[in-house]
Amino acid sequence: QIRHFCGLAVFENYLYTVNSDDLSILRINRYNGTDVQALARLDNAKEIRVYQKRTQAAVRSHACEADAFGMPGGCSHLCLLSSSYKARTCRCRTGFILGSDGRSCK
């Protein structure tokens, strides 16, 4: 059914490809090849990729993650990561100075 295609992505039970004859995005059942569905048409489409939360790499936690109060790294203004993702430095916006606790700005 498809004479020319470019790009190919596999996700779960389907193959996704760009039909270069009419620039449509196709979803094809990867097991039987008969269930072909045109999902959309995009001008100048050359490649296709599937982005889905389960396929994304896990990101390790870091020192500037928001705390229980929504403050990044526990800093009241800015949190700067150091050369290690485990350490951070708090800084203040212009006009404020860092308090003795090293986190709050006054």
N, C-alpha and C. Protein backbone atom coordinates (compact mmCIF):
# COMPACT_ATOMS: atom_id res chain seq x y z
N GLN A 1 0.81 -1.20 0.00
CA GLN A 1 0.00 0.00 0.00
C GLN A 1 0.85 1.26 0.00
N ILE A 2 2.03 1.19 0.59
CA ILE A 2 2.88 2.37 0.71
C ILE A 2 4.09 2.17 -0.19
N ARG A 3 4.24 3.03 -1.18
CA ARG A 3 5.36 2.88 -2.11
C ARG A 3 6.63 3.52 -1.57
N HIS A 4 6.51 4.70 -0.98
CA HIS A 4 7.67 5.41 -0.47
C HIS A 4 7.39 5.93 0.93
N PHE A 5 8.29 5.65 1.82
CA PHE A 5 8.14 6.23 3.15
C PHE A 5 9.49 6.68 3.67
N CYS A 6 9.46 7.64 4.57
CA CYS A 6 10.69 8.08 5.21
C CYS A 6 10.43 8.17 6.70
N GLY A 7 11.42 7.82 7.46
CA GLY A 7 11.28 7.80 8.90
C GLY A 7 10.45 6.62 9.34
N LEU A 8 10.84 6.04 10.45
CA LEU A 8 10.11 4.91 10.99
C LEU A 8 10.29 4.91 12.50
N ALA A 9 9.20 4.82 13.21
CA ALA A 9 9.24 4.75 14.67
C ALA A 9 8.37 3.58 15.10
N VAL A 10 8.80 2.87 16.13
CA VAL A 10 8.05 1.75 16.67
C VAL A 10 7.64 2.11 18.08
N PHE A 11 6.36 1.96 18.36
CA PHE A 11 5.86 2.19 19.71
C PHE A 11 4.68 1.27 19.96
N GLU A 12 4.80 0.49 21.03
CA GLU A 12 3.80 -0.49 21.43
C GLU A 12 3.45 -1.39 20.24
N ASN A 13 2.21 -1.45 19.82
CA ASN A 13 1.80 -2.38 18.76
C ASN A 13 1.83 -1.78 17.36
N TYR A 14 2.41 -0.59 17.22
CA TYR A 14 2.33 0.09 15.93
C TYR A 14 3.67 0.59 15.40
N LEU A 15 3.73 0.68 14.09
CA LEU A 15 4.81 1.35 13.37
C LEU A 15 4.25 2.70 12.94
N TYR A 16 5.06 3.74 13.05
CA TYR A 16 4.65 5.07 12.59
C TYR A 16 5.64 5.49 11.51
N THR A 17 5.13 6.03 10.43
CA THR A 17 5.99 6.42 9.32
C THR A 17 5.38 7.60 8.57
N VAL A 18 6.19 8.24 7.73
CA VAL A 18 5.72 9.33 6.88
C VAL A 18 5.64 8.79 5.46
N ASN A 19 4.46 8.81 4.88
CA ASN A 19 4.28 8.42 3.50
C ASN A 19 4.76 9.58 2.63
N SER A 20 5.89 9.43 1.96
CA SER A 20 6.45 10.55 1.20
C SER A 20 5.67 10.86 -0.07
N ASP A 21 4.74 10.01 -0.48
CA ASP A 21 3.91 10.31 -1.65
C ASP A 21 2.92 11.44 -1.35
N ASP A 22 2.30 11.40 -0.17
CA ASP A 22 1.31 12.44 0.15
C ASP A 22 1.59 13.14 1.49
N LEU A 23 2.76 12.87 2.11
CA LEU A 23 3.20 13.50 3.36
C LEU A 23 2.24 13.25 4.53
N SER A 24 1.61 12.08 4.52
CA SER A 24 0.72 11.73 5.63
C SER A 24 1.49 10.92 6.66
N ILE A 25 1.08 11.06 7.91
CA ILE A 25 1.63 10.28 9.00
C ILE A 25 0.76 9.03 9.12
N LEU A 26 1.41 7.87 9.03
CA LEU A 26 0.66 6.62 9.06
C LEU A 26 0.96 5.82 10.31
N ARG A 27 -0.08 5.15 10.80
CA ARG A 27 0.07 4.19 11.90
C ARG A 27 -0.30 2.83 11.34
N ILE A 28 0.62 1.88 11.51
CA ILE A 28 0.44 0.55 10.93
C ILE A 28 0.60 -0.49 12.03
N ASN A 29 -0.33 -1.44 12.09
CA ASN A 29 -0.21 -2.52 13.05
C ASN A 29 1.06 -3.30 12.74
N ARG A 30 1.95 -3.38 13.72
CA ARG A 30 3.26 -4.00 13.47
C ARG A 30 3.21 -5.51 13.36
N TYR A 31 2.12 -6.12 13.75
CA TYR A 31 2.03 -7.57 13.72
C TYR A 31 1.38 -8.11 12.46
N ASN A 32 0.40 -7.38 11.90
CA ASN A 32 -0.25 -7.91 10.70
C ASN A 32 -0.14 -6.98 9.50
N GLY A 33 0.23 -5.73 9.69
CA GLY A 33 0.43 -4.79 8.59
C GLY A 33 -0.83 -4.38 7.86
N THR A 34 -1.96 -4.87 8.27
CA THR A 34 -3.20 -4.56 7.54
C THR A 34 -3.94 -3.37 8.11
N ASP A 35 -3.77 -3.11 9.37
CA ASP A 35 -4.46 -1.99 10.02
C ASP A 35 -3.66 -0.71 9.80
N VAL A 36 -3.90 -0.03 8.67
CA VAL A 36 -3.17 1.20 8.31
C VAL A 36 -4.11 2.38 8.47
N GLN A 37 -3.67 3.35 9.25
CA GLN A 37 -4.51 4.53 9.50
C GLN A 37 -3.69 5.79 9.28
N ALA A 38 -4.23 6.72 8.47
CA ALA A 38 -3.60 8.02 8.28
C ALA A 38 -4.00 8.91 9.45
N LEU A 39 -3.00 9.41 10.19
CA LEU A 39 -3.28 10.21 11.39
C LEU A 39 -3.32 11.70 11.10
N ALA A 40 -2.46 12.15 10.21
CA ALA A 40 -2.37 13.58 9.92
C ALA A 40 -1.59 13.77 8.63
N ARG A 41 -1.59 14.98 8.11
CA ARG A 41 -0.79 15.34 6.94
C ARG A 41 0.04 16.56 7.30
N LEU A 42 1.36 16.46 7.07
CA LEU A 42 2.26 17.55 7.41
C LEU A 42 3.13 17.89 6.21
N ASP A 43 3.19 19.15 5.86
CA ASP A 43 4.05 19.57 4.76
C ASP A 43 5.50 19.41 5.16
N ASN A 44 6.31 18.89 4.25
CA ASN A 44 7.77 18.74 4.43
C ASN A 44 8.16 17.80 5.55
N ALA A 45 7.32 16.87 5.92
CA ALA A 45 7.68 15.90 6.96
C ALA A 45 8.72 14.94 6.38
N LYS A 46 9.79 14.72 7.12
CA LYS A 46 10.87 13.84 6.66
C LYS A 46 11.17 12.74 7.66
N GLU A 47 10.81 12.95 8.92
CA GLU A 47 11.17 12.00 9.96
C GLU A 47 10.07 11.99 11.01
N ILE A 48 10.00 10.91 11.74
CA ILE A 48 8.99 10.81 12.78
C ILE A 48 9.62 10.20 14.02
N ARG A 49 9.22 10.71 15.17
CA ARG A 49 9.68 10.19 16.45
C ARG A 49 8.49 10.14 17.40
N VAL A 50 8.50 9.15 18.25
CA VAL A 50 7.44 9.01 19.24
C VAL A 50 8.00 9.48 20.59
N TYR A 51 7.31 10.41 21.21
CA TYR A 51 7.66 10.88 22.55
C TYR A 51 6.51 10.55 23.47
N GLN A 52 6.80 9.77 24.48
CA GLN A 52 5.78 9.37 25.43
C GLN A 52 6.46 9.25 26.78
N LYS A 53 5.78 9.59 27.82
CA LYS A 53 6.39 9.66 29.15
C LYS A 53 7.14 8.38 29.52
N ARG A 54 6.59 7.23 29.19
CA ARG A 54 7.24 5.97 29.54
C ARG A 54 8.53 5.73 28.77
N THR A 55 8.71 6.40 27.64
CA THR A 55 9.92 6.19 26.84
C THR A 55 11.03 7.17 27.18
N GLN A 56 10.77 8.13 28.06
CA GLN A 56 11.78 9.12 28.42
C GLN A 56 12.70 8.59 29.51
N ALA A 57 13.94 8.96 29.43
CA ALA A 57 14.91 8.54 30.43
C ALA A 57 14.56 9.16 31.79
N ALA A 58 14.77 8.40 32.82
CA ALA A 58 14.50 8.91 34.16
C ALA A 58 15.57 9.94 34.52
N VAL A 59 15.15 11.00 35.16
CA VAL A 59 16.08 12.05 35.58
C VAL A 59 16.32 11.87 37.07
N ARG A 60 17.58 11.82 37.45
CA ARG A 60 17.89 11.65 38.86
C ARG A 60 17.61 12.94 39.62
N SER A 61 17.34 12.82 40.88
CA SER A 61 17.05 14.00 41.67
C SER A 61 18.30 14.86 41.81
N HIS A 62 18.11 16.13 42.08
CA HIS A 62 19.23 17.06 42.21
C HIS A 62 18.95 18.02 43.36
N ALA A 63 19.97 18.73 43.76
CA ALA A 63 19.91 19.59 44.94
C ALA A 63 18.95 20.77 44.79
N CYS A 64 18.58 21.15 43.58
CA CYS A 64 17.68 22.29 43.39
C CYS A 64 16.23 21.88 43.14
N GLU A 65 15.90 20.65 43.42
CA GLU A 65 14.50 20.24 43.29
C GLU A 65 13.66 21.00 44.31
N ALA A 66 12.42 21.24 43.96
CA ALA A 66 11.52 21.99 44.85
C ALA A 66 11.29 21.20 46.14
N ASP A 67 11.29 21.92 47.24
CA ASP A 67 11.01 21.28 48.53
C ASP A 67 9.50 21.21 48.76
N ALA A 68 9.09 20.81 49.94
CA ALA A 68 7.66 20.66 50.26
C ALA A 68 6.88 21.98 50.14
N PHE A 69 7.59 23.11 50.22
CA PHE A 69 6.94 24.42 50.11
C PHE A 69 7.05 25.01 48.71
N GLY A 70 7.60 24.25 47.78
CA GLY A 70 7.74 24.70 46.40
C GLY A 70 8.96 25.58 46.15
N MET A 71 9.85 25.66 47.13
CA MET A 71 11.05 26.49 46.98
C MET A 71 12.18 25.64 46.41
N PRO A 72 12.81 26.09 45.31
CA PRO A 72 13.87 25.29 44.68
C PRO A 72 15.07 25.10 45.60
N GLY A 73 15.34 23.87 45.97
CA GLY A 73 16.47 23.57 46.84
C GLY A 73 16.33 24.17 48.22
N GLY A 74 15.14 24.62 48.59
CA GLY A 74 14.94 25.28 49.87
C GLY A 74 15.36 26.73 49.87
N CYS A 75 15.75 27.26 48.71
CA CYS A 75 16.19 28.66 48.59
C CYS A 75 14.97 29.55 48.37
N SER A 76 14.97 30.71 49.00
CA SER A 76 13.82 31.60 48.85
C SER A 76 13.79 32.29 47.48
N HIS A 77 14.95 32.49 46.83
CA HIS A 77 14.97 33.15 45.52
C HIS A 77 15.54 32.24 44.43
N LEU A 78 16.85 32.07 44.41
CA LEU A 78 17.50 31.32 43.34
C LEU A 78 18.31 30.16 43.89
N CYS A 79 18.30 29.05 43.16
CA CYS A 79 19.10 27.90 43.52
C CYS A 79 20.05 27.61 42.37
N LEU A 80 21.34 27.57 42.65
CA LEU A 80 22.36 27.30 41.64
C LEU A 80 23.02 25.97 41.95
N LEU A 81 23.02 25.06 40.97
CA LEU A 81 23.70 23.78 41.16
C LEU A 81 25.20 23.99 41.12
N SER A 82 25.91 23.24 41.92
CA SER A 82 27.37 23.30 41.88
C SER A 82 27.87 22.30 40.84
N SER A 83 29.13 22.01 40.84
CA SER A 83 29.68 21.08 39.86
C SER A 83 29.14 19.66 40.08
N SER A 84 28.59 19.40 41.23
CA SER A 84 27.94 18.13 41.52
C SER A 84 26.44 18.36 41.62
N TYR A 85 25.66 17.44 41.10
CA TYR A 85 24.20 17.61 41.16
C TYR A 85 23.67 17.47 42.59
N LYS A 86 24.54 17.06 43.51
CA LYS A 86 24.11 16.87 44.90
C LYS A 86 24.28 18.13 45.75
N ALA A 87 25.01 19.12 45.25
CA ALA A 87 25.28 20.33 46.03
C ALA A 87 24.70 21.55 45.34
N ARG A 88 24.33 22.56 46.14
CA ARG A 88 23.74 23.77 45.58
C ARG A 88 24.16 24.98 46.41
N THR A 89 23.95 26.15 45.81
CA THR A 89 24.19 27.42 46.50
C THR A 89 22.96 28.28 46.29
N CYS A 90 22.47 28.89 47.34
CA CYS A 90 21.34 29.82 47.22
C CYS A 90 21.87 31.22 46.93
N ARG A 91 21.17 31.96 46.11
CA ARG A 91 21.50 33.34 45.79
C ARG A 91 20.22 34.16 45.81
N CYS A 92 20.39 35.48 45.91
CA CYS A 92 19.24 36.39 45.98
C CYS A 92 19.15 37.26 44.72
N ARG A 93 17.94 37.72 44.47
CA ARG A 93 17.73 38.69 43.38
C ARG A 93 18.36 40.02 43.77
N THR A 94 18.56 40.86 42.78
CA THR A 94 19.13 42.19 43.00
C THR A 94 18.32 42.95 44.06
N GLY A 95 19.05 43.57 44.99
CA GLY A 95 18.40 44.35 46.04
C GLY A 95 18.17 43.57 47.31
N PHE A 96 18.47 42.27 47.33
CA PHE A 96 18.30 41.44 48.51
C PHE A 96 19.65 40.90 48.93
N ILE A 97 19.77 40.53 50.19
CA ILE A 97 21.00 39.90 50.67
C ILE A 97 20.64 38.55 51.29
N LEU A 98 21.57 37.61 51.19
CA LEU A 98 21.36 36.27 51.71
C LEU A 98 21.44 36.27 53.23
N GLY A 99 20.45 35.66 53.85
CA GLY A 99 20.40 35.60 55.31
C GLY A 99 21.44 34.64 55.87
N SER A 100 21.61 34.65 57.17
CA SER A 100 22.62 33.81 57.84
C SER A 100 22.34 32.32 57.68
N ASP A 101 21.09 31.94 57.36
CA ASP A 101 20.79 30.53 57.17
C ASP A 101 21.25 30.01 55.82
N GLY A 102 21.70 30.92 54.94
CA GLY A 102 22.19 30.53 53.62
C GLY A 102 21.10 30.16 52.64
N ARG A 103 19.85 30.42 53.00
CA ARG A 103 18.71 30.06 52.14
C ARG A 103 17.74 31.20 51.91
N SER A 104 17.48 31.99 52.93
CA SER A 104 16.48 33.04 52.82
C SER A 104 17.11 34.36 52.41
N CYS A 105 16.36 35.17 51.68
CA CYS A 105 16.82 36.47 51.23
C CYS A 105 16.05 37.56 51.95
N LYS A 106 16.78 38.61 52.34
CA LYS A 106 16.17 39.72 53.09
C LYS A 106 16.45 41.03 52.39
